[in-house]
Amino acid sequence: MRRTLRVGACQTPELLGDVPAALTLIESFAARPEAAGLDVLLFPECFLQGYLPTPEHLSRTAFDLASPEFATILARLAPIRPTLIIGMIERRDGAWFNTAAVIAGGTVLGAYRKTHLIDGERAFTAGTGHPVFDVNGVRFGINICYDTRFPSAAAAVAAQGGRVLLVPSQNMLRHPSAEQWKPLHNTIRAERARETGMWVISADVTGRRGSERIGYGPTSVISPSGAVVAQVETLTVGMVTAEIPPE
């Protein structure tokens, strides 16, 4: 019998600088009935500490993945069965990275560091690698949000046998930009799916930040043909799941 990869992508409220609340939210998603039997659980970009790419926020909240402080977080996450893909702010060798940590059983299996940074992310250092990971015989890689605008970022995962591209995102945007980009995120990701033949699964935030910003998502599953096969309703906290065959 062929094994499959069951992925859950979480559309969450935005949390800024509240790591305990983020950990509680991870636990609550993992405990949902629809999470039963999942192999991978995906969370948005910079989810752990909140996406606020200022030097002040980064210096105050960044974690070294090898630090005792992060070990405490790993210990709390250890009982969760699915492999977790958690967007976070990482401190490494004196630099800050926009990182997606891959965590299983309280152990860091690896990390992807965003390779394409927008102008507002100058405090981050761009990553240089495109690691891939195998769960249940299905290989996946990661692009973070803006990375998907660049075909080469997805192609680097596909070239290593990637079957699935996981996309932690954070689109809490000012209202005019949010309306402009609302229909375009899935369009861009569908292009990457068709080019590479991979499934593309995204996780994003939703809700409002004050009166100026709104996050619609989307958190969605896109098939290799570019079809949106599942999506969490906009402005709704929730989870979408997908079952990916190995071939």
C-alpha atoms as a PDB file:
ATOM      1  CA  MET A   1       0.000   0.000   0.000  1.00  0.00           C
ATOM      2  CA  ARG A   2       1.352   3.413  -0.974  1.00  0.00           C
ATOM      3  CA  ARG A   3       1.965   5.848   1.851  1.00  0.00           C
ATOM      4  CA  THR A   4       0.723   9.400   1.510  1.00  0.00           C
ATOM      5  CA  LEU A   5       1.593  12.728   3.106  1.00  0.00           C
ATOM      6  CA  ARG A   6      -1.267  14.352   4.983  1.00  0.00           C
ATOM      7  CA  VAL A   7      -0.718  18.088   5.430  1.00  0.00           C
ATOM      8  CA  GLY A   8      -2.701  20.600   7.460  1.00  0.00           C
ATOM      9  CA  ALA A   9      -2.277  24.330   6.766  1.00  0.00           C
ATOM     10  CA  CYS A  10      -3.392  26.728   9.482  1.00  0.00           C
ATOM     11  CA  GLN A  11      -4.914  30.161   8.921  1.00  0.00           C
ATOM     12  CA  THR A  12      -4.301  31.962  12.200  1.00  0.00           C
ATOM     13  CA  PRO A  13      -4.904  35.317  13.825  1.00  0.00           C
ATOM     14  CA  GLU A  14      -1.887  37.588  13.853  1.00  0.00           C
ATOM     15  CA  LEU A  15       0.106  37.546  17.094  1.00  0.00           C
ATOM     16  CA  LEU A  16       2.835  40.115  17.722  1.00  0.00           C
ATOM     17  CA  GLY A  17       5.471  39.473  20.373  1.00  0.00           C
ATOM     18  CA  ASP A  18       3.441  36.878  22.285  1.00  0.00           C
ATOM     19  CA  VAL A  19       5.304  33.562  22.036  1.00  0.00           C
ATOM     20  CA  PRO A  20       3.254  31.827  24.782  1.00  0.00           C
ATOM     21  CA  ALA A  21       0.043  32.634  22.894  1.00  0.00           C
ATOM     22  CA  ALA A  22       1.587  31.338  19.663  1.00  0.00           C
ATOM     23  CA  LEU A  23       2.548  28.055  21.322  1.00  0.00           C
ATOM     24  CA  THR A  24      -0.952  27.689  22.758  1.00  0.00           C
ATOM     25  CA  LEU A  25      -2.396  28.256  19.294  1.00  0.00           C
ATOM     26  CA  ILE A  26      -0.103  25.599  17.796  1.00  0.00           C
ATOM     27  CA  GLU A  27      -1.289  23.147  20.449  1.00  0.00           C
ATOM     28  CA  SER A  28      -4.933  24.011  19.814  1.00  0.00           C
ATOM     29  CA  PHE A  29      -4.622  23.443  16.057  1.00  0.00           C
ATOM     30  CA  ALA A  30      -2.840  20.135  16.674  1.00  0.00           C
ATOM     31  CA  ALA A  31      -5.721  19.062  18.925  1.00  0.00           C
ATOM     32  CA  ARG A  32      -8.451  19.790  16.369  1.00  0.00           C
ATOM     33  CA  PRO A  33     -10.415  16.778  15.086  1.00  0.00           C
ATOM     34  CA  GLU A  34      -9.351  17.516  11.514  1.00  0.00           C
ATOM     35  CA  ALA A  35      -5.692  17.299  12.613  1.00  0.00           C
ATOM     36  CA  ALA A  36      -6.037  13.638  13.570  1.00  0.00           C
ATOM     37  CA  GLY A  37      -3.714  11.573  11.413  1.00  0.00           C
ATOM     38  CA  LEU A  38      -1.878  14.526   9.912  1.00  0.00           C
ATOM     39  CA  ASP A  39       1.818  14.118   9.125  1.00  0.00           C
ATOM     40  CA  VAL A  40       2.681  17.820   8.741  1.00  0.00           C
ATOM     41  CA  LEU A  41       1.198  20.973  10.243  1.00  0.00           C
ATOM     42  CA  LEU A  42       2.077  24.290   8.564  1.00  0.00           C
ATOM     43  CA  PHE A  43       1.961  27.745  10.187  1.00  0.00           C
ATOM     44  CA  PRO A  44       2.414  31.264   8.728  1.00  0.00           C
ATOM     45  CA  GLU A  45       5.529  33.339   8.153  1.00  0.00           C
ATOM     46  CA  CYS A  46       7.199  34.606  11.368  1.00  0.00           C
ATOM     47  CA  PHE A  47       4.245  33.124  13.257  1.00  0.00           C
ATOM     48  CA  LEU A  48       6.091  32.358  16.502  1.00  0.00           C
ATOM     49  CA  GLN A  49       7.075  35.946  17.346  1.00  0.00           C
ATOM     50  CA  GLY A  50       4.922  37.863  14.856  1.00  0.00           C
ATOM     51  CA  TYR A  51       5.823  39.508  11.573  1.00  0.00           C
ATOM     52  CA  LEU A  52       7.176  42.952  12.456  1.00  0.00           C
ATOM     53  CA  PRO A  53      10.492  43.274  10.577  1.00  0.00           C
ATOM     54  CA  THR A  54      11.960  46.177  12.542  1.00  0.00           C
ATOM     55  CA  PRO A  55      15.387  45.947  14.189  1.00  0.00           C
ATOM     56  CA  GLU A  56      13.751  46.585  17.555  1.00  0.00           C
ATOM     57  CA  HIS A  57      11.315  43.681  17.250  1.00  0.00           C
ATOM     58  CA  LEU A  58      13.922  41.343  15.797  1.00  0.00           C
ATOM     59  CA  SER A  59      16.509  42.078  18.467  1.00  0.00           C
ATOM     60  CA  ARG A  60      13.948  41.616  21.229  1.00  0.00           C
ATOM     61  CA  THR A  61      12.306  38.413  20.004  1.00  0.00           C
ATOM     62  CA  ALA A  62      14.751  36.420  17.839  1.00  0.00           C
ATOM     63  CA  PHE A  63      15.777  32.913  18.908  1.00  0.00           C
ATOM     64  CA  ASP A  64      18.939  30.962  18.223  1.00  0.00           C
ATOM     65  CA  LEU A  65      17.744  27.472  17.307  1.00  0.00           C
ATOM     66  CA  ALA A  66      20.517  25.960  19.460  1.00  0.00           C
ATOM     67  CA  SER A  67      19.836  28.123  22.528  1.00  0.00           C
ATOM     68  CA  PRO A  68      18.492  26.980  25.917  1.00  0.00           C
ATOM     69  CA  GLU A  69      15.558  29.362  25.435  1.00  0.00           C
ATOM     70  CA  PHE A  70      14.527  27.623  22.228  1.00  0.00           C
ATOM     71  CA  ALA A  71      15.094  24.230  23.853  1.00  0.00           C
ATOM     72  CA  THR A  72      12.301  25.143  26.279  1.00  0.00           C
ATOM     73  CA  ILE A  73       9.996  25.799  23.317  1.00  0.00           C
ATOM     74  CA  LEU A  74      10.994  22.504  21.717  1.00  0.00           C
ATOM     75  CA  ALA A  75      10.230  20.629  24.922  1.00  0.00           C
ATOM     76  CA  ARG A  76       6.733  22.077  24.970  1.00  0.00           C
ATOM     77  CA  LEU A  77       6.151  21.111  21.322  1.00  0.00           C
ATOM     78  CA  ALA A  78       7.578  17.589  21.720  1.00  0.00           C
ATOM     79  CA  PRO A  79       4.225  15.855  22.441  1.00  0.00           C
ATOM     80  CA  ILE A  80       2.714  17.062  19.153  1.00  0.00           C
ATOM     81  CA  ARG A  81       2.736  14.178  16.672  1.00  0.00           C
ATOM     82  CA  PRO A  82       2.820  15.899  13.253  1.00  0.00           C
ATOM     83  CA  THR A  83       6.009  17.448  11.941  1.00  0.00           C
ATOM     84  CA  LEU A  84       5.655  21.199  12.467  1.00  0.00           C
ATOM     85  CA  ILE A  85       6.653  23.902   9.977  1.00  0.00           C
ATOM     86  CA  ILE A  86       6.754  27.084  12.046  1.00  0.00           C
ATOM     87  CA  GLY A  87       7.610  30.524  10.719  1.00  0.00           C
ATOM     88  CA  MET A  88       9.889  32.358  13.123  1.00  0.00           C
ATOM     89  CA  ILE A  89      12.531  35.031  13.569  1.00  0.00           C
ATOM     90  CA  GLU A  90      15.925  33.357  13.917  1.00  0.00           C
ATOM     91  CA  ARG A  91      19.194  34.721  15.292  1.00  0.00           C
ATOM     92  CA  ARG A  92      22.234  32.975  13.830  1.00  0.00           C
ATOM     93  CA  ASP A  93      25.889  34.003  13.763  1.00  0.00           C
ATOM     94  CA  GLY A  94      25.057  37.613  14.558  1.00  0.00           C
ATOM     95  CA  ALA A  95      22.399  37.946  11.834  1.00  0.00           C
ATOM     96  CA  TRP A  96      18.599  37.743  11.759  1.00  0.00           C
ATOM     97  CA  PHE A  97      16.735  35.426   9.385  1.00  0.00           C
ATOM     98  CA  ASN A  98      13.126  35.019   8.330  1.00  0.00           C
ATOM     99  CA  THR A  99      13.033  31.277   8.942  1.00  0.00           C
ATOM    100  CA  ALA A 100      10.712  28.294   8.715  1.00  0.00           C
ATOM    101  CA  ALA A 101      11.834  25.717  11.273  1.00  0.00           C
ATOM    102  CA  VAL A 102      11.018  22.048  10.655  1.00  0.00           C
ATOM    103  CA  ILE A 103      10.378  20.383  14.017  1.00  0.00           C
ATOM    104  CA  ALA A 104       9.427  16.802  14.886  1.00  0.00           C
ATOM    105  CA  GLY A 105       9.151  15.326  18.369  1.00  0.00           C
ATOM    106  CA  GLY A 106      10.795  18.355  19.912  1.00  0.00           C
ATOM    107  CA  THR A 107      13.819  18.172  17.593  1.00  0.00           C
ATOM    108  CA  VAL A 108      14.788  20.653  14.877  1.00  0.00           C
ATOM    109  CA  LEU A 109      15.169  18.625  11.675  1.00  0.00           C
ATOM    110  CA  GLY A 110      16.301  21.638   9.698  1.00  0.00           C
ATOM    111  CA  ALA A 111      15.339  25.120   8.619  1.00  0.00           C
ATOM    112  CA  TYR A 112      14.656  27.116   5.494  1.00  0.00           C
ATOM    113  CA  ARG A 113      15.674  30.772   5.491  1.00  0.00           C
ATOM    114  CA  LYS A 114      13.803  33.147   3.163  1.00  0.00           C
ATOM    115  CA  THR A 115      15.944  33.812   0.093  1.00  0.00           C
ATOM    116  CA  HIS A 116      14.047  36.761  -1.427  1.00  0.00           C
ATOM    117  CA  LEU A 117      13.414  39.724   0.851  1.00  0.00           C
ATOM    118  CA  ILE A 118      11.105  42.674   0.200  1.00  0.00           C
ATOM    119  CA  ASP A 119      12.306  46.240   0.770  1.00  0.00           C
ATOM    120  CA  GLY A 120      10.742  46.337   4.238  1.00  0.00           C
ATOM    121  CA  GLU A 121      12.816  43.334   5.341  1.00  0.00           C
ATOM    122  CA  ARG A 122      16.251  44.949   5.175  1.00  0.00           C
ATOM    123  CA  ALA A 123      16.926  43.992   8.798  1.00  0.00           C
ATOM    124  CA  PHE A 124      16.929  40.319   7.763  1.00  0.00           C
ATOM    125  CA  THR A 125      19.745  38.489   6.021  1.00  0.00           C
ATOM    126  CA  ALA A 126      18.695  36.465   2.981  1.00  0.00           C
ATOM    127  CA  GLY A 127      19.120  32.714   3.107  1.00  0.00           C
ATOM    128  CA  THR A 128      21.042  30.865   0.426  1.00  0.00           C
ATOM    129  CA  GLY A 129      19.880  27.242   0.494  1.00  0.00           C
ATOM    130  CA  HIS A 130      16.779  25.238  -0.416  1.00  0.00           C
ATOM    131  CA  PRO A 131      16.760  22.168   1.861  1.00  0.00           C
ATOM    132  CA  VAL A 132      14.241  19.398   1.297  1.00  0.00           C
ATOM    133  CA  PHE A 133      12.687  17.013   3.802  1.00  0.00           C
ATOM    134  CA  ASP A 134      11.129  13.554   3.564  1.00  0.00           C
ATOM    135  CA  VAL A 135       8.080  12.461   5.536  1.00  0.00           C
ATOM    136  CA  ASN A 136       6.224   9.228   4.716  1.00  0.00           C
ATOM    137  CA  GLY A 137       8.269   8.845   1.566  1.00  0.00           C
ATOM    138  CA  VAL A 138       7.076  12.208   0.189  1.00  0.00           C
ATOM    139  CA  ARG A 139       9.634  14.981  -0.268  1.00  0.00           C
ATOM    140  CA  PHE A 140       8.787  18.621   0.404  1.00  0.00           C
ATOM    141  CA  GLY A 141      10.562  21.961   0.425  1.00  0.00           C
ATOM    142  CA  ILE A 142       9.672  25.458   1.536  1.00  0.00           C
ATOM    143  CA  ASN A 143       9.305  28.910   0.004  1.00  0.00           C
ATOM    144  CA  ILE A 144       8.333  31.811   2.256  1.00  0.00           C
ATOM    145  CA  CYS A 145       5.725  34.258   0.918  1.00  0.00           C
ATOM    146  CA  TYR A 146       7.555  36.614  -1.515  1.00  0.00           C
ATOM    147  CA  ASP A 147       9.831  33.758  -2.596  1.00  0.00           C
ATOM    148  CA  THR A 148       6.969  32.444  -4.733  1.00  0.00           C
ATOM    149  CA  ARG A 149       7.269  35.474  -7.023  1.00  0.00           C
ATOM    150  CA  PHE A 150      10.514  33.921  -8.297  1.00  0.00           C
ATOM    151  CA  PRO A 151      10.256  30.702 -10.346  1.00  0.00           C
ATOM    152  CA  SER A 152      13.816  29.745  -9.396  1.00  0.00           C
ATOM    153  CA  ALA A 153      12.884  29.354  -5.709  1.00  0.00           C
ATOM    154  CA  ALA A 154      10.263  26.698  -6.437  1.00  0.00           C
ATOM    155  CA  ALA A 155      12.397  25.127  -9.162  1.00  0.00           C
ATOM    156  CA  ALA A 156      15.215  24.584  -6.639  1.00  0.00           C
ATOM    157  CA  VAL A 157      12.882  22.374  -4.585  1.00  0.00           C
ATOM    158  CA  ALA A 158      11.523  20.508  -7.610  1.00  0.00           C
ATOM    159  CA  ALA A 159      15.067  19.827  -8.859  1.00  0.00           C
ATOM    160  CA  GLN A 160      15.710  17.839  -5.680  1.00  0.00           C
ATOM    161  CA  GLY A 161      12.670  15.640  -6.173  1.00  0.00           C
ATOM    162  CA  GLY A 162      10.233  17.814  -4.242  1.00  0.00           C
ATOM    163  CA  ARG A 163       6.630  16.709  -4.487  1.00  0.00           C
ATOM    164  CA  VAL A 164       5.171  19.448  -2.284  1.00  0.00           C
ATOM    165  CA  LEU A 165       6.025  23.127  -1.809  1.00  0.00           C
ATOM    166  CA  LEU A 166       4.982  24.513   1.578  1.00  0.00           C
ATOM    167  CA  VAL A 167       4.540  28.284   1.734  1.00  0.00           C
ATOM    168  CA  PRO A 168       4.372  30.062   5.117  1.00  0.00           C
ATOM    169  CA  SER A 169       3.031  33.543   4.319  1.00  0.00           C
ATOM    170  CA  GLN A 170       2.058  36.766   6.050  1.00  0.00           C
ATOM    171  CA  ASN A 171      -0.183  39.135   4.129  1.00  0.00           C
ATOM    172  CA  MET A 172      -1.388  41.551   6.789  1.00  0.00           C
ATOM    173  CA  LEU A 173      -1.449  44.475   4.362  1.00  0.00           C
ATOM    174  CA  ARG A 174      -2.673  48.035   4.213  1.00  0.00           C
ATOM    175  CA  HIS A 175      -6.209  48.071   2.820  1.00  0.00           C
ATOM    176  CA  PRO A 176      -5.436  49.216  -0.749  1.00  0.00           C
ATOM    177  CA  SER A 177      -2.661  46.613  -1.131  1.00  0.00           C
ATOM    178  CA  ALA A 178      -4.778  43.907   0.480  1.00  0.00           C
ATOM    179  CA  GLU A 179      -7.557  44.475  -2.049  1.00  0.00           C
ATOM    180  CA  GLN A 180      -5.099  44.571  -4.948  1.00  0.00           C
ATOM    181  CA  TRP A 181      -3.343  41.360  -3.960  1.00  0.00           C
ATOM    182  CA  LYS A 182      -6.357  39.402  -2.674  1.00  0.00           C
ATOM    183  CA  PRO A 183      -6.955  37.565  -5.988  1.00  0.00           C
ATOM    184  CA  LEU A 184      -3.295  37.362  -7.002  1.00  0.00           C
ATOM    185  CA  HIS A 185      -1.655  35.195  -4.326  1.00  0.00           C
ATOM    186  CA  ASN A 186      -3.235  31.978  -5.569  1.00  0.00           C
ATOM    187  CA  THR A 187      -2.632  33.004  -9.175  1.00  0.00           C
ATOM    188  CA  ILE A 188       1.112  33.313  -8.566  1.00  0.00           C
ATOM    189  CA  ARG A 189       1.297  30.071  -6.588  1.00  0.00           C
ATOM    190  CA  ALA A 190      -0.663  28.242  -9.288  1.00  0.00           C
ATOM    191  CA  GLU A 191       2.006  29.295 -11.789  1.00  0.00           C
ATOM    192  CA  ARG A 192       4.682  27.705  -9.602  1.00  0.00           C
ATOM    193  CA  ALA A 193       2.587  24.528  -9.325  1.00  0.00           C
ATOM    194  CA  ARG A 194       2.154  24.199 -13.085  1.00  0.00           C
ATOM    195  CA  GLU A 195       5.827  24.965 -13.777  1.00  0.00           C
ATOM    196  CA  THR A 196       7.159  22.393 -11.325  1.00  0.00           C
ATOM    197  CA  GLY A 197       4.409  19.770 -11.118  1.00  0.00           C
ATOM    198  CA  MET A 198       4.380  20.161  -7.330  1.00  0.00           C
ATOM    199  CA  TRP A 199       1.496  20.621  -4.943  1.00  0.00           C
ATOM    200  CA  VAL A 200       1.642  24.113  -3.382  1.00  0.00           C
ATOM    201  CA  ILE A 201       0.193  24.534   0.110  1.00  0.00           C
ATOM    202  CA  SER A 202       0.160  27.899   1.884  1.00  0.00           C
ATOM    203  CA  ALA A 203      -0.614  29.105   5.415  1.00  0.00           C
ATOM    204  CA  ASP A 204      -1.384  32.742   6.184  1.00  0.00           C
ATOM    205  CA  VAL A 205      -2.742  35.049   8.879  1.00  0.00           C
ATOM    206  CA  THR A 206      -6.157  36.655   8.892  1.00  0.00           C
ATOM    207  CA  GLY A 207      -7.949  39.447  10.714  1.00  0.00           C
ATOM    208  CA  ARG A 208      -7.128  43.090  11.232  1.00  0.00           C
ATOM    209  CA  ARG A 209      -4.248  45.093  12.696  1.00  0.00           C
ATOM    210  CA  GLY A 210      -5.828  48.304  13.894  1.00  0.00           C
ATOM    211  CA  SER A 211      -7.771  50.278  11.288  1.00  0.00           C
ATOM    212  CA  GLU A 212      -5.078  50.338   8.600  1.00  0.00           C
ATOM    213  CA  ARG A 213      -4.266  46.681   7.880  1.00  0.00           C
ATOM    214  CA  ILE A 214      -6.251  43.596   6.995  1.00  0.00           C
ATOM    215  CA  GLY A 215      -5.235  39.989   6.352  1.00  0.00           C
ATOM    216  CA  TYR A 216      -7.448  37.956   4.024  1.00  0.00           C
ATOM    217  CA  GLY A 217      -5.095  34.974   3.650  1.00  0.00           C
ATOM    218  CA  PRO A 218      -5.285  32.888   1.565  1.00  0.00           C
ATOM    219  CA  THR A 219      -4.530  29.542   3.164  1.00  0.00           C
ATOM    220  CA  SER A 220      -4.988  27.088   0.335  1.00  0.00           C
ATOM    221  CA  VAL A 221      -4.083  23.852  -1.417  1.00  0.00           C
ATOM    222  CA  ILE A 222      -3.177  24.054  -5.120  1.00  0.00           C
ATOM    223  CA  SER A 223      -2.781  20.924  -7.231  1.00  0.00           C
ATOM    224  CA  PRO A 224       0.049  20.374  -9.736  1.00  0.00           C
ATOM    225  CA  SER A 225      -2.368  21.450 -12.493  1.00  0.00           C
ATOM    226  CA  GLY A 226      -2.761  24.847 -10.794  1.00  0.00           C
ATOM    227  CA  ALA A 227      -6.283  24.250  -9.480  1.00  0.00           C
ATOM    228  CA  VAL A 228      -7.234  25.555  -6.031  1.00  0.00           C
ATOM    229  CA  VAL A 229      -8.684  22.392  -4.511  1.00  0.00           C
ATOM    230  CA  ALA A 230      -9.225  23.682  -0.966  1.00  0.00           C
ATOM    231  CA  GLN A 231      -9.065  27.003   0.835  1.00  0.00           C
ATOM    232  CA  VAL A 232      -9.902  28.389   4.265  1.00  0.00           C
ATOM    233  CA  GLU A 233     -12.588  31.047   3.983  1.00  0.00           C
ATOM    234  CA  THR A 234     -11.182  34.588   4.053  1.00  0.00           C
ATOM    235  CA  LEU A 235     -11.245  36.399   7.405  1.00  0.00           C
ATOM    236  CA  THR A 236     -11.789  33.043   9.121  1.00  0.00           C
ATOM    237  CA  VAL A 237      -9.423  31.190  11.447  1.00  0.00           C
ATOM    238  CA  GLY A 238      -9.261  27.590  10.332  1.00  0.00           C
ATOM    239  CA  MET A 239      -7.401  24.695   8.769  1.00  0.00           C
ATOM    240  CA  VAL A 240      -7.351  23.083   5.356  1.00  0.00           C
ATOM    241  CA  THR A 241      -5.975  19.591   4.790  1.00  0.00           C
ATOM    242  CA  ALA A 242      -4.592  17.699   1.818  1.00  0.00           C
ATOM    243  CA  GLU A 243      -3.503  14.136   1.186  1.00  0.00           C
ATOM    244  CA  ILE A 244      -0.539  13.956  -1.190  1.00  0.00           C
ATOM    245  CA  PRO A 245       0.430  10.678  -2.898  1.00  0.00           C
ATOM    246  CA  PRO A 246       4.158   9.977  -3.332  1.00  0.00           C
ATOM    247  CA  GLU A 247       3.922  10.113  -7.132  1.00  0.00           C
END
